[in-house]
């Protein structure tokens, strides 16, 4: 009787050699994100980061985690793996910056049923690019093969970002009062929210490939990476007294703004105060009701800053100097229900 062929991890669907090759391929991309506080390099059980305590009197660490949802499905379907990693960093780093914290480092989790080194290299190189934009070190991560959990060459992502802020400079919205103004900062499109709805619309209204929105193909507008606001917001915090910052993610304008408002306050936005990218017109034209638009998508505003009336012009000037489109879009109002009204 023939002896049974020895079983291997590779035969079971996990290729350790492919993982080693991936590490080598991404090494130079990761190196471009390194900050002086990083100790060591890739390959350890944990990433090491030395906090420069002399820069802070009372350092507070701020941590955030997120993914990019079903936007990944569109990226896979359209071979658009290069920028989805930027989305991953943006969704985490933008959450950290709203509390006034400078992102320090980032870790990623990449899971797939079978490691395609070419695809993984493109995705993780995009993560490294996002870290460069955010000024955060790509301190480490995990690449996992889970045979049978997804279709071949599919993958999912999660990200983890840690930042730091001096306790006295922490932004929590507690000083916001009625009459304060809301400055809106332009988005790059739908960012990474509402894509289950977007994909449903695409099922009902397939893209023939010729739809032109703002001079771009529809699919390119949908896959435009989430804007990373870290550097302009850090500059804004140096020049202007910012009372509150709001990252417009899942829940859109209606659900996110109340998260930073003290009890008894709401907001009123003037819809005509900012231009809405054409991709949102396409979504509404294809069946999304106006209120559903407002509670699902950012509708053209990826970040909001709450400032006193006298600080509006300095805030707008600072943001525009740093390459951001920004507008005065509304104000804080007394509202027992903390409602957001868009006129």
C-alpha atoms as a PDB file:
ATOM      1  CA  UNK A   1       0.000   0.000   0.000  1.00  0.00           C
ATOM      2  CA  UNK A   2       1.351   3.403  -1.010  1.00  0.00           C
ATOM      3  CA  UNK A   3       2.218   5.739   1.805  1.00  0.00           C
ATOM      4  CA  UNK A   4      -0.015   8.815   2.021  1.00  0.00           C
ATOM      5  CA  UNK A   5       1.632  11.975   0.730  1.00  0.00           C
ATOM      6  CA  UNK A   6       2.496  14.246   3.673  1.00  0.00           C
ATOM      7  CA  UNK A   7       0.109  17.159   4.087  1.00  0.00           C
ATOM      8  CA  UNK A   8       1.419  20.720   3.942  1.00  0.00           C
ATOM      9  CA  UNK A   9       0.057  24.111   4.939  1.00  0.00           C
ATOM     10  CA  UNK A  10       0.372  25.174   1.279  1.00  0.00           C
ATOM     11  CA  UNK A  11      -1.790  22.242   0.173  1.00  0.00           C
ATOM     12  CA  UNK A  12      -4.394  23.404   2.686  1.00  0.00           C
ATOM     13  CA  UNK A  13      -4.415  26.843   1.050  1.00  0.00           C
ATOM     14  CA  UNK A  14      -1.893  28.908   3.023  1.00  0.00           C
ATOM     15  CA  UNK A  15       1.350  29.825   1.236  1.00  0.00           C
ATOM     16  CA  UNK A  16       3.967  31.068   3.715  1.00  0.00           C
ATOM     17  CA  UNK A  17       6.460  31.719   0.915  1.00  0.00           C
ATOM     18  CA  UNK A  18       3.997  34.072  -0.798  1.00  0.00           C
ATOM     19  CA  UNK A  19       3.668  35.988   2.464  1.00  0.00           C
ATOM     20  CA  UNK A  20       7.427  36.354   2.700  1.00  0.00           C
ATOM     21  CA  UNK A  21       7.548  37.611  -0.888  1.00  0.00           C
ATOM     22  CA  UNK A  22       4.868  40.195  -0.122  1.00  0.00           C
ATOM     23  CA  UNK A  23       6.864  41.567   2.803  1.00  0.00           C
ATOM     24  CA  UNK A  24       9.861  42.079   0.542  1.00  0.00           C
ATOM     25  CA  UNK A  25       7.781  43.774  -2.148  1.00  0.00           C
ATOM     26  CA  UNK A  26       6.208  46.298   0.219  1.00  0.00           C
ATOM     27  CA  UNK A  27       9.360  47.040   2.217  1.00  0.00           C
ATOM     28  CA  UNK A  28      10.310  50.167   0.230  1.00  0.00           C
ATOM     29  CA  UNK A  29       6.743  51.549   0.335  1.00  0.00           C
ATOM     30  CA  UNK A  30       6.599  51.082   4.094  1.00  0.00           C
ATOM     31  CA  UNK A  31      10.022  52.692   4.518  1.00  0.00           C
ATOM     32  CA  UNK A  32       8.705  55.941   3.013  1.00  0.00           C
ATOM     33  CA  UNK A  33       6.236  56.277   5.906  1.00  0.00           C
ATOM     34  CA  UNK A  34       8.768  55.943   8.727  1.00  0.00           C
ATOM     35  CA  UNK A  35       8.859  58.691  11.346  1.00  0.00           C
ATOM     36  CA  UNK A  36      11.835  59.364  13.681  1.00  0.00           C
ATOM     37  CA  UNK A  37       9.927  57.839  16.596  1.00  0.00           C
ATOM     38  CA  UNK A  38       9.751  54.397  14.983  1.00  0.00           C
ATOM     39  CA  UNK A  39      12.053  51.762  16.508  1.00  0.00           C
ATOM     40  CA  UNK A  40      13.081  48.789  14.379  1.00  0.00           C
ATOM     41  CA  UNK A  41      11.468  47.662  11.145  1.00  0.00           C
ATOM     42  CA  UNK A  42       9.124  45.098   9.627  1.00  0.00           C
ATOM     43  CA  UNK A  43       8.958  41.555  10.917  1.00  0.00           C
ATOM     44  CA  UNK A  44       8.636  41.899  14.672  1.00  0.00           C
ATOM     45  CA  UNK A  45       5.732  40.600  16.730  1.00  0.00           C
ATOM     46  CA  UNK A  46       4.739  44.182  17.475  1.00  0.00           C
ATOM     47  CA  UNK A  47       5.560  47.607  16.088  1.00  0.00           C
ATOM     48  CA  UNK A  48       7.595  49.900  18.306  1.00  0.00           C
ATOM     49  CA  UNK A  49       6.997  53.637  18.539  1.00  0.00           C
ATOM     50  CA  UNK A  50       8.673  55.960  21.042  1.00  0.00           C
ATOM     51  CA  UNK A  51       6.420  58.808  22.117  1.00  0.00           C
ATOM     52  CA  UNK A  52       8.315  62.116  22.076  1.00  0.00           C
ATOM     53  CA  UNK A  53       7.065  63.139  25.523  1.00  0.00           C
ATOM     54  CA  UNK A  54       8.996  66.406  25.518  1.00  0.00           C
ATOM     55  CA  UNK A  55       6.551  67.713  22.898  1.00  0.00           C
ATOM     56  CA  UNK A  56       3.535  67.277  25.175  1.00  0.00           C
ATOM     57  CA  UNK A  57       2.774  68.363  28.726  1.00  0.00           C
ATOM     58  CA  UNK A  58      -0.172  65.966  29.108  1.00  0.00           C
ATOM     59  CA  UNK A  59      -0.217  63.594  26.125  1.00  0.00           C
ATOM     60  CA  UNK A  60      -3.524  61.874  25.351  1.00  0.00           C
ATOM     61  CA  UNK A  61      -3.554  58.972  22.893  1.00  0.00           C
ATOM     62  CA  UNK A  62      -6.472  58.817  20.463  1.00  0.00           C
ATOM     63  CA  UNK A  63      -7.191  55.537  18.649  1.00  0.00           C
ATOM     64  CA  UNK A  64      -9.490  54.755  15.747  1.00  0.00           C
ATOM     65  CA  UNK A  65     -10.357  51.709  13.668  1.00  0.00           C
ATOM     66  CA  UNK A  66     -12.400  51.256  10.495  1.00  0.00           C
ATOM     67  CA  UNK A  67     -12.638  49.518   7.151  1.00  0.00           C
ATOM     68  CA  UNK A  68     -13.788  50.562   3.695  1.00  0.00           C
ATOM     69  CA  UNK A  69     -16.954  48.480   3.492  1.00  0.00           C
ATOM     70  CA  UNK A  70     -18.295  47.174   0.208  1.00  0.00           C
ATOM     71  CA  UNK A  71     -16.387  49.757  -1.810  1.00  0.00           C
ATOM     72  CA  UNK A  72     -13.813  46.938  -1.884  1.00  0.00           C
ATOM     73  CA  UNK A  73     -16.217  44.927  -4.051  1.00  0.00           C
ATOM     74  CA  UNK A  74     -16.211  47.662  -6.692  1.00  0.00           C
ATOM     75  CA  UNK A  75     -12.411  47.912  -6.509  1.00  0.00           C
ATOM     76  CA  UNK A  76     -12.101  44.151  -7.047  1.00  0.00           C
ATOM     77  CA  UNK A  77     -14.634  44.077  -9.880  1.00  0.00           C
ATOM     78  CA  UNK A  78     -12.834  46.888 -11.716  1.00  0.00           C
ATOM     79  CA  UNK A  79      -9.207  45.912 -10.987  1.00  0.00           C
ATOM     80  CA  UNK A  80      -8.796  49.137  -9.003  1.00  0.00           C
ATOM     81  CA  UNK A  81      -6.630  47.879  -6.142  1.00  0.00           C
ATOM     82  CA  UNK A  82      -4.100  50.717  -6.075  1.00  0.00           C
ATOM     83  CA  UNK A  83      -6.094  53.363  -4.202  1.00  0.00           C
ATOM     84  CA  UNK A  84      -8.419  51.407  -1.903  1.00  0.00           C
ATOM     85  CA  UNK A  85      -5.666  51.460   0.737  1.00  0.00           C
ATOM     86  CA  UNK A  86      -5.806  55.263   0.758  1.00  0.00           C
ATOM     87  CA  UNK A  87      -9.486  54.942   1.697  1.00  0.00           C
ATOM     88  CA  UNK A  88      -8.554  52.662   4.579  1.00  0.00           C
ATOM     89  CA  UNK A  89      -6.083  55.138   6.062  1.00  0.00           C
ATOM     90  CA  UNK A  90      -8.426  58.067   5.484  1.00  0.00           C
ATOM     91  CA  UNK A  91     -11.355  56.504   7.320  1.00  0.00           C
ATOM     92  CA  UNK A  92      -9.202  56.013  10.418  1.00  0.00           C
ATOM     93  CA  UNK A  93      -6.923  59.070  10.320  1.00  0.00           C
ATOM     94  CA  UNK A  94      -9.818  61.463   9.679  1.00  0.00           C
ATOM     95  CA  UNK A  95     -11.567  60.133  12.787  1.00  0.00           C
ATOM     96  CA  UNK A  96      -8.439  60.696  14.881  1.00  0.00           C
ATOM     97  CA  UNK A  97      -7.818  64.250  13.655  1.00  0.00           C
ATOM     98  CA  UNK A  98     -11.318  65.479  14.622  1.00  0.00           C
ATOM     99  CA  UNK A  99     -10.274  65.302  18.265  1.00  0.00           C
ATOM    100  CA  UNK A 100      -7.215  67.408  17.523  1.00  0.00           C
ATOM    101  CA  UNK A 101      -4.807  64.458  17.519  1.00  0.00           C
ATOM    102  CA  UNK A 102      -1.897  64.123  15.116  1.00  0.00           C
ATOM    103  CA  UNK A 103      -1.880  60.572  13.682  1.00  0.00           C
ATOM    104  CA  UNK A 104       1.346  58.831  14.716  1.00  0.00           C
ATOM    105  CA  UNK A 105       1.116  55.327  13.334  1.00  0.00           C
ATOM    106  CA  UNK A 106      -1.139  52.945  11.466  1.00  0.00           C
ATOM    107  CA  UNK A 107      -1.576  49.181  11.276  1.00  0.00           C
ATOM    108  CA  UNK A 108      -3.531  47.237   8.680  1.00  0.00           C
ATOM    109  CA  UNK A 109      -5.223  43.855   8.471  1.00  0.00           C
ATOM    110  CA  UNK A 110      -5.517  42.233   5.029  1.00  0.00           C
ATOM    111  CA  UNK A 111      -7.418  38.954   4.750  1.00  0.00           C
ATOM    112  CA  UNK A 112      -7.914  36.852   1.626  1.00  0.00           C
ATOM    113  CA  UNK A 113      -8.649  33.180   0.844  1.00  0.00           C
ATOM    114  CA  UNK A 114      -5.496  32.838  -1.270  1.00  0.00           C
ATOM    115  CA  UNK A 115      -2.699  35.393  -1.285  1.00  0.00           C
ATOM    116  CA  UNK A 116      -2.256  36.972  -4.692  1.00  0.00           C
ATOM    117  CA  UNK A 117       1.047  38.754  -4.161  1.00  0.00           C
ATOM    118  CA  UNK A 118       0.523  41.156  -7.082  1.00  0.00           C
ATOM    119  CA  UNK A 119      -2.871  42.341  -5.825  1.00  0.00           C
ATOM    120  CA  UNK A 120      -1.763  42.509  -2.188  1.00  0.00           C
ATOM    121  CA  UNK A 121       1.299  44.552  -3.153  1.00  0.00           C
ATOM    122  CA  UNK A 122      -0.910  47.091  -4.924  1.00  0.00           C
ATOM    123  CA  UNK A 123      -3.329  47.326  -1.999  1.00  0.00           C
ATOM    124  CA  UNK A 124      -0.682  47.678   0.700  1.00  0.00           C
ATOM    125  CA  UNK A 125       1.320  50.149  -1.399  1.00  0.00           C
ATOM    126  CA  UNK A 126      -1.871  52.224  -1.423  1.00  0.00           C
ATOM    127  CA  UNK A 127      -2.066  51.956   2.358  1.00  0.00           C
ATOM    128  CA  UNK A 128       1.520  53.201   2.541  1.00  0.00           C
ATOM    129  CA  UNK A 129       0.628  56.101   0.238  1.00  0.00           C
ATOM    130  CA  UNK A 130      -2.271  57.006   2.516  1.00  0.00           C
ATOM    131  CA  UNK A 131       0.066  56.932   5.506  1.00  0.00           C
ATOM    132  CA  UNK A 132       2.445  59.298   3.706  1.00  0.00           C
ATOM    133  CA  UNK A 133      -0.425  61.726   3.093  1.00  0.00           C
ATOM    134  CA  UNK A 134      -1.535  61.480   6.732  1.00  0.00           C
ATOM    135  CA  UNK A 135       2.017  61.721   8.093  1.00  0.00           C
ATOM    136  CA  UNK A 136       1.585  58.439   9.971  1.00  0.00           C
ATOM    137  CA  UNK A 137       4.101  55.602  10.089  1.00  0.00           C
ATOM    138  CA  UNK A 138       2.891  52.272   8.693  1.00  0.00           C
ATOM    139  CA  UNK A 139       4.106  50.502  11.801  1.00  0.00           C
ATOM    140  CA  UNK A 140       3.016  46.991  10.947  1.00  0.00           C
ATOM    141  CA  UNK A 141       0.096  44.838   9.953  1.00  0.00           C
ATOM    142  CA  UNK A 142      -1.202  41.343   9.363  1.00  0.00           C
ATOM    143  CA  UNK A 143      -1.742  39.456   6.133  1.00  0.00           C
ATOM    144  CA  UNK A 144      -3.950  36.418   6.654  1.00  0.00           C
ATOM    145  CA  UNK A 145      -4.991  33.640   4.287  1.00  0.00           C
ATOM    146  CA  UNK A 146      -8.389  32.166   5.155  1.00  0.00           C
ATOM    147  CA  UNK A 147      -9.171  29.472   2.568  1.00  0.00           C
ATOM    148  CA  UNK A 148     -12.867  29.071   1.902  1.00  0.00           C
ATOM    149  CA  UNK A 149     -13.933  32.315   3.560  1.00  0.00           C
ATOM    150  CA  UNK A 150     -14.189  34.451   0.400  1.00  0.00           C
ATOM    151  CA  UNK A 151     -14.169  33.931  -3.351  1.00  0.00           C
ATOM    152  CA  UNK A 152     -10.764  33.581  -5.011  1.00  0.00           C
ATOM    153  CA  UNK A 153      -8.774  36.842  -5.196  1.00  0.00           C
ATOM    154  CA  UNK A 154     -11.283  38.660  -2.981  1.00  0.00           C
ATOM    155  CA  UNK A 155     -10.037  40.336   0.173  1.00  0.00           C
ATOM    156  CA  UNK A 156     -11.138  42.508   3.067  1.00  0.00           C
ATOM    157  CA  UNK A 157      -9.344  45.248   4.980  1.00  0.00           C
ATOM    158  CA  UNK A 158      -9.318  46.789   8.428  1.00  0.00           C
ATOM    159  CA  UNK A 159      -7.177  49.631   9.721  1.00  0.00           C
ATOM    160  CA  UNK A 160      -6.054  50.920  13.102  1.00  0.00           C
ATOM    161  CA  UNK A 161      -4.672  54.411  13.741  1.00  0.00           C
ATOM    162  CA  UNK A 162      -3.210  55.949  16.904  1.00  0.00           C
ATOM    163  CA  UNK A 163      -2.624  59.678  17.368  1.00  0.00           C
ATOM    164  CA  UNK A 164      -1.665  62.039  20.168  1.00  0.00           C
ATOM    165  CA  UNK A 165      -2.846  65.430  21.407  1.00  0.00           C
ATOM    166  CA  UNK A 166      -2.056  67.534  24.460  1.00  0.00           C
ATOM    167  CA  UNK A 167      -4.954  67.265  26.896  1.00  0.00           C
ATOM    168  CA  UNK A 168      -5.538  71.020  26.940  1.00  0.00           C
ATOM    169  CA  UNK A 169      -5.846  71.015  23.137  1.00  0.00           C
ATOM    170  CA  UNK A 170      -8.286  68.119  22.933  1.00  0.00           C
ATOM    171  CA  UNK A 171     -11.304  69.020  20.777  1.00  0.00           C
ATOM    172  CA  UNK A 172     -14.580  67.633  22.133  1.00  0.00           C
ATOM    173  CA  UNK A 173     -17.209  70.172  21.064  1.00  0.00           C
ATOM    174  CA  UNK A 174     -18.021  71.171  24.646  1.00  0.00           C
ATOM    175  CA  UNK A 175     -17.394  74.887  23.994  1.00  0.00           C
ATOM    176  CA  UNK A 176     -19.799  75.086  21.039  1.00  0.00           C
ATOM    177  CA  UNK A 177     -22.672  77.551  21.540  1.00  0.00           C
ATOM    178  CA  UNK A 178     -25.672  78.708  19.541  1.00  0.00           C
ATOM    179  CA  UNK A 179     -24.555  81.186  16.887  1.00  0.00           C
ATOM    180  CA  UNK A 180     -21.285  79.461  16.101  1.00  0.00           C
ATOM    181  CA  UNK A 181     -20.665  78.943  12.415  1.00  0.00           C
ATOM    182  CA  UNK A 182     -20.084  75.736  10.469  1.00  0.00           C
ATOM    183  CA  UNK A 183     -17.329  75.666   7.849  1.00  0.00           C
ATOM    184  CA  UNK A 184     -17.567  72.822   5.333  1.00  0.00           C
ATOM    185  CA  UNK A 185     -14.558  71.245   3.625  1.00  0.00           C
ATOM    186  CA  UNK A 186     -15.085  69.621   0.244  1.00  0.00           C
ATOM    187  CA  UNK A 187     -15.117  65.854  -0.234  1.00  0.00           C
ATOM    188  CA  UNK A 188     -13.661  63.909  -3.149  1.00  0.00           C
ATOM    189  CA  UNK A 189     -16.955  62.111  -3.729  1.00  0.00           C
ATOM    190  CA  UNK A 190     -18.782  59.404  -1.784  1.00  0.00           C
ATOM    191  CA  UNK A 191     -15.593  58.550   0.116  1.00  0.00           C
ATOM    192  CA  UNK A 192     -16.141  55.083   1.655  1.00  0.00           C
ATOM    193  CA  UNK A 193     -19.759  55.241   2.781  1.00  0.00           C
ATOM    194  CA  UNK A 194     -23.047  54.088   1.314  1.00  0.00           C
ATOM    195  CA  UNK A 195     -21.560  51.635  -1.156  1.00  0.00           C
ATOM    196  CA  UNK A 196     -24.091  48.903  -0.490  1.00  0.00           C
ATOM    197  CA  UNK A 197     -26.694  51.396  -1.734  1.00  0.00           C
ATOM    198  CA  UNK A 198     -24.453  52.516  -4.600  1.00  0.00           C
ATOM    199  CA  UNK A 199     -23.949  48.919  -5.725  1.00  0.00           C
ATOM    200  CA  UNK A 200     -27.710  48.349  -5.574  1.00  0.00           C
ATOM    201  CA  UNK A 201     -28.235  51.338  -7.858  1.00  0.00           C
ATOM    202  CA  UNK A 202     -25.594  49.987 -10.243  1.00  0.00           C
ATOM    203  CA  UNK A 203     -27.483  46.682 -10.354  1.00  0.00           C
ATOM    204  CA  UNK A 204     -30.656  48.505 -11.377  1.00  0.00           C
ATOM    205  CA  UNK A 205     -28.921  51.067 -13.606  1.00  0.00           C
ATOM    206  CA  UNK A 206     -25.738  49.442 -14.982  1.00  0.00           C
ATOM    207  CA  UNK A 207     -22.994  51.816 -16.048  1.00  0.00           C
ATOM    208  CA  UNK A 208     -22.732  51.581 -19.858  1.00  0.00           C
ATOM    209  CA  UNK A 209     -19.208  52.979 -19.631  1.00  0.00           C
ATOM    210  CA  UNK A 210     -20.039  56.281 -21.245  1.00  0.00           C
ATOM    211  CA  UNK A 211     -21.465  58.246 -18.323  1.00  0.00           C
ATOM    212  CA  UNK A 212     -19.428  61.412 -17.893  1.00  0.00           C
ATOM    213  CA  UNK A 213     -19.507  63.184 -14.531  1.00  0.00           C
ATOM    214  CA  UNK A 214     -17.411  66.292 -14.052  1.00  0.00           C
ATOM    215  CA  UNK A 215     -15.237  65.143 -16.949  1.00  0.00           C
ATOM    216  CA  UNK A 216     -14.643  61.677 -15.438  1.00  0.00           C
ATOM    217  CA  UNK A 217     -16.100  58.219 -15.917  1.00  0.00           C
ATOM    218  CA  UNK A 218     -18.771  57.218 -13.415  1.00  0.00           C
ATOM    219  CA  UNK A 219     -16.725  54.326 -12.027  1.00  0.00           C
ATOM    220  CA  UNK A 220     -13.715  56.600 -11.539  1.00  0.00           C
ATOM    221  CA  UNK A 221     -15.878  59.054  -9.582  1.00  0.00           C
ATOM    222  CA  UNK A 222     -17.219  56.249  -7.395  1.00  0.00           C
ATOM    223  CA  UNK A 223     -13.746  54.844  -6.716  1.00  0.00           C
ATOM    224  CA  UNK A 224     -12.094  58.208  -6.052  1.00  0.00           C
ATOM    225  CA  UNK A 225     -10.162  57.751  -2.781  1.00  0.00           C
ATOM    226  CA  UNK A 226     -11.426  59.288   0.435  1.00  0.00           C
ATOM    227  CA  UNK A 227      -9.786  62.641   1.047  1.00  0.00           C
ATOM    228  CA  UNK A 228      -7.296  62.683   3.933  1.00  0.00           C
ATOM    229  CA  UNK A 229      -7.711  65.941   5.861  1.00  0.00           C
ATOM    230  CA  UNK A 230      -4.910  65.549   8.393  1.00  0.00           C
ATOM    231  CA  UNK A 231      -2.347  68.112   7.221  1.00  0.00           C
ATOM    232  CA  UNK A 232      -4.779  70.968   6.442  1.00  0.00           C
ATOM    233  CA  UNK A 233      -6.623  70.402   9.719  1.00  0.00           C
ATOM    234  CA  UNK A 234      -3.372  70.439  11.690  1.00  0.00           C
ATOM    235  CA  UNK A 235      -2.551  73.761  10.025  1.00  0.00           C
ATOM    236  CA  UNK A 236      -6.042  75.062  10.813  1.00  0.00           C
ATOM    237  CA  UNK A 237      -5.615  74.148  14.475  1.00  0.00           C
ATOM    238  CA  UNK A 238      -2.391  76.147  14.609  1.00  0.00           C
ATOM    239  CA  UNK A 239      -4.007  79.320  13.272  1.00  0.00           C
ATOM    240  CA  UNK A 240      -7.657  79.253  14.363  1.00  0.00           C
ATOM    241  CA  UNK A 241      -9.672  78.477  17.485  1.00  0.00           C
ATOM    242  CA  UNK A 242     -11.664  75.429  16.378  1.00  0.00           C
ATOM    243  CA  UNK A 243     -14.467  74.405  18.729  1.00  0.00           C
ATOM    244  CA  UNK A 244     -15.489  71.205  17.008  1.00  0.00           C
ATOM    245  CA  UNK A 245     -14.597  68.995  14.055  1.00  0.00           C
ATOM    246  CA  UNK A 246     -16.865  66.459  12.389  1.00  0.00           C
ATOM    247  CA  UNK A 247     -15.849  63.720   9.941  1.00  0.00           C
ATOM    248  CA  UNK A 248     -18.838  62.986   7.699  1.00  0.00           C
ATOM    249  CA  UNK A 249     -18.867  59.199   7.420  1.00  0.00           C
ATOM    250  CA  UNK A 250     -21.633  56.590   7.731  1.00  0.00           C
ATOM    251  CA  UNK A 251     -24.837  58.385   8.671  1.00  0.00           C
ATOM    252  CA  UNK A 252     -24.095  61.344   6.449  1.00  0.00           C
ATOM    253  CA  UNK A 253     -24.692  64.942   7.479  1.00  0.00           C
ATOM    254  CA  UNK A 254     -27.795  64.242   9.540  1.00  0.00           C
ATOM    255  CA  UNK A 255     -26.323  61.603  11.845  1.00  0.00           C
ATOM    256  CA  UNK A 256     -22.741  62.818  12.286  1.00  0.00           C
ATOM    257  CA  UNK A 257     -23.133  66.495  13.158  1.00  0.00           C
ATOM    258  CA  UNK A 258     -25.102  65.865  16.397  1.00  0.00           C
ATOM    259  CA  UNK A 259     -22.212  63.687  17.650  1.00  0.00           C
ATOM    260  CA  UNK A 260     -20.129  66.803  18.371  1.00  0.00           C
ATOM    261  CA  UNK A 261     -22.869  69.155  19.614  1.00  0.00           C
ATOM    262  CA  UNK A 262     -23.640  69.770  23.300  1.00  0.00           C
ATOM    263  CA  UNK A 263     -27.127  68.881  24.512  1.00  0.00           C
ATOM    264  CA  UNK A 264     -29.785  71.342  23.386  1.00  0.00           C
ATOM    265  CA  UNK A 265     -28.030  72.407  20.186  1.00  0.00           C
ATOM    266  CA  UNK A 266     -28.724  71.546  16.582  1.00  0.00           C
ATOM    267  CA  UNK A 267     -27.541  72.826  13.224  1.00  0.00           C
ATOM    268  CA  UNK A 268     -28.929  74.459  10.127  1.00  0.00           C
ATOM    269  CA  UNK A 269     -27.120  74.097   6.807  1.00  0.00           C
ATOM    270  CA  UNK A 270     -27.758  76.125   3.663  1.00  0.00           C
ATOM    271  CA  UNK A 271     -27.804  73.635   0.792  1.00  0.00           C
ATOM    272  CA  UNK A 272     -26.897  76.327  -1.771  1.00  0.00           C
ATOM    273  CA  UNK A 273     -23.735  77.276   0.156  1.00  0.00           C
ATOM    274  CA  UNK A 274     -21.559  74.562  -1.364  1.00  0.00           C
ATOM    275  CA  UNK A 275     -21.328  72.806  -4.750  1.00  0.00           C
ATOM    276  CA  UNK A 276     -22.332  69.142  -4.814  1.00  0.00           C
ATOM    277  CA  UNK A 277     -20.134  66.828  -6.942  1.00  0.00           C
ATOM    278  CA  UNK A 278     -21.943  65.350  -9.930  1.00  0.00           C
ATOM    279  CA  UNK A 279     -21.779  61.814  -8.538  1.00  0.00           C
ATOM    280  CA  UNK A 280     -24.357  62.806  -5.912  1.00  0.00           C
ATOM    281  CA  UNK A 281     -26.632  64.214  -8.611  1.00  0.00           C
ATOM    282  CA  UNK A 282     -26.343  60.821 -10.362  1.00  0.00           C
ATOM    283  CA  UNK A 283     -27.297  58.997  -7.161  1.00  0.00           C
ATOM    284  CA  UNK A 284     -30.346  61.172  -6.538  1.00  0.00           C
ATOM    285  CA  UNK A 285     -31.366  61.011 -10.180  1.00  0.00           C
ATOM    286  CA  UNK A 286     -31.353  57.218  -9.961  1.00  0.00           C
ATOM    287  CA  UNK A 287     -33.718  56.899  -7.058  1.00  0.00           C
ATOM    288  CA  UNK A 288     -32.179  58.005  -3.742  1.00  0.00           C
ATOM    289  CA  UNK A 289     -34.593  60.335  -1.915  1.00  0.00           C
ATOM    290  CA  UNK A 290     -33.212  63.704  -0.747  1.00  0.00           C
ATOM    291  CA  UNK A 291     -33.398  62.878   2.971  1.00  0.00           C
ATOM    292  CA  UNK A 292     -31.808  59.477   2.359  1.00  0.00           C
ATOM    293  CA  UNK A 293     -28.985  61.263   0.558  1.00  0.00           C
ATOM    294  CA  UNK A 294     -28.387  63.430   3.619  1.00  0.00           C
ATOM    295  CA  UNK A 295     -28.349  60.523   6.099  1.00  0.00           C
ATOM    296  CA  UNK A 296     -26.229  58.204   3.939  1.00  0.00           C
ATOM    297  CA  UNK A 297     -23.679  60.316   2.050  1.00  0.00           C
ATOM    298  CA  UNK A 298     -21.459  63.309   2.760  1.00  0.00           C
ATOM    299  CA  UNK A 299     -23.120  65.142  -0.182  1.00  0.00           C
ATOM    300  CA  UNK A 300     -19.896  67.016  -0.941  1.00  0.00           C
ATOM    301  CA  UNK A 301     -18.737  67.865   2.593  1.00  0.00           C
ATOM    302  CA  UNK A 302     -16.190  65.426   3.988  1.00  0.00           C
ATOM    303  CA  UNK A 303     -15.280  67.412   7.101  1.00  0.00           C
ATOM    304  CA  UNK A 304     -16.900  70.225   9.086  1.00  0.00           C
ATOM    305  CA  UNK A 305     -15.296  72.722  11.464  1.00  0.00           C
ATOM    306  CA  UNK A 306     -17.284  74.709  14.050  1.00  0.00           C
ATOM    307  CA  UNK A 307     -15.847  78.146  14.822  1.00  0.00           C
ATOM    308  CA  UNK A 308     -16.966  81.446  16.323  1.00  0.00           C
ATOM    309  CA  UNK A 309     -18.333  83.996  13.798  1.00  0.00           C
ATOM    310  CA  UNK A 310     -15.153  86.099  13.910  1.00  0.00           C
ATOM    311  CA  UNK A 311     -13.049  83.048  13.032  1.00  0.00           C
ATOM    312  CA  UNK A 312     -14.865  82.117   9.833  1.00  0.00           C
ATOM    313  CA  UNK A 313     -12.739  84.156   7.426  1.00  0.00           C
ATOM    314  CA  UNK A 314      -9.382  83.123   8.970  1.00  0.00           C
ATOM    315  CA  UNK A 315     -10.511  79.476   8.849  1.00  0.00           C
ATOM    316  CA  UNK A 316     -11.552  79.702   5.212  1.00  0.00           C
ATOM    317  CA  UNK A 317      -8.316  81.452   4.279  1.00  0.00           C
ATOM    318  CA  UNK A 318      -6.186  78.837   6.048  1.00  0.00           C
ATOM    319  CA  UNK A 319      -7.990  75.920   4.445  1.00  0.00           C
ATOM    320  CA  UNK A 320      -7.812  77.399   0.971  1.00  0.00           C
ATOM    321  CA  UNK A 321      -4.106  78.187   1.412  1.00  0.00           C
ATOM    322  CA  UNK A 322      -3.637  74.502   2.221  1.00  0.00           C
ATOM    323  CA  UNK A 323      -5.375  73.330  -0.925  1.00  0.00           C
ATOM    324  CA  UNK A 324      -8.881  72.674   0.388  1.00  0.00           C
ATOM    325  CA  UNK A 325     -12.189  73.834  -1.029  1.00  0.00           C
ATOM    326  CA  UNK A 326     -14.102  75.304   1.904  1.00  0.00           C
ATOM    327  CA  UNK A 327     -17.272  77.317   2.459  1.00  0.00           C
ATOM    328  CA  UNK A 328     -19.390  78.784   5.242  1.00  0.00           C
ATOM    329  CA  UNK A 329     -22.254  76.288   5.103  1.00  0.00           C
ATOM    330  CA  UNK A 330     -24.337  76.829   8.226  1.00  0.00           C
ATOM    331  CA  UNK A 331     -24.632  77.671  11.879  1.00  0.00           C
ATOM    332  CA  UNK A 332     -25.366  76.135  15.252  1.00  0.00           C
ATOM    333  CA  UNK A 333     -28.893  76.717  16.588  1.00  0.00           C
ATOM    334  CA  UNK A 334     -30.705  76.051  19.848  1.00  0.00           C
ATOM    335  CA  UNK A 335     -32.581  72.772  19.296  1.00  0.00           C
ATOM    336  CA  UNK A 336     -33.778  70.456  22.065  1.00  0.00           C
ATOM    337  CA  UNK A 337     -33.846  67.528  19.666  1.00  0.00           C
ATOM    338  CA  UNK A 338     -30.333  68.151  18.285  1.00  0.00           C
ATOM    339  CA  UNK A 339     -31.774  68.090  14.778  1.00  0.00           C
ATOM    340  CA  UNK A 340     -29.841  68.978  11.636  1.00  0.00           C
ATOM    341  CA  UNK A 341     -31.908  70.957   9.118  1.00  0.00           C
ATOM    342  CA  UNK A 342     -30.774  71.454   5.534  1.00  0.00           C
ATOM    343  CA  UNK A 343     -32.623  74.241   3.717  1.00  0.00           C
END
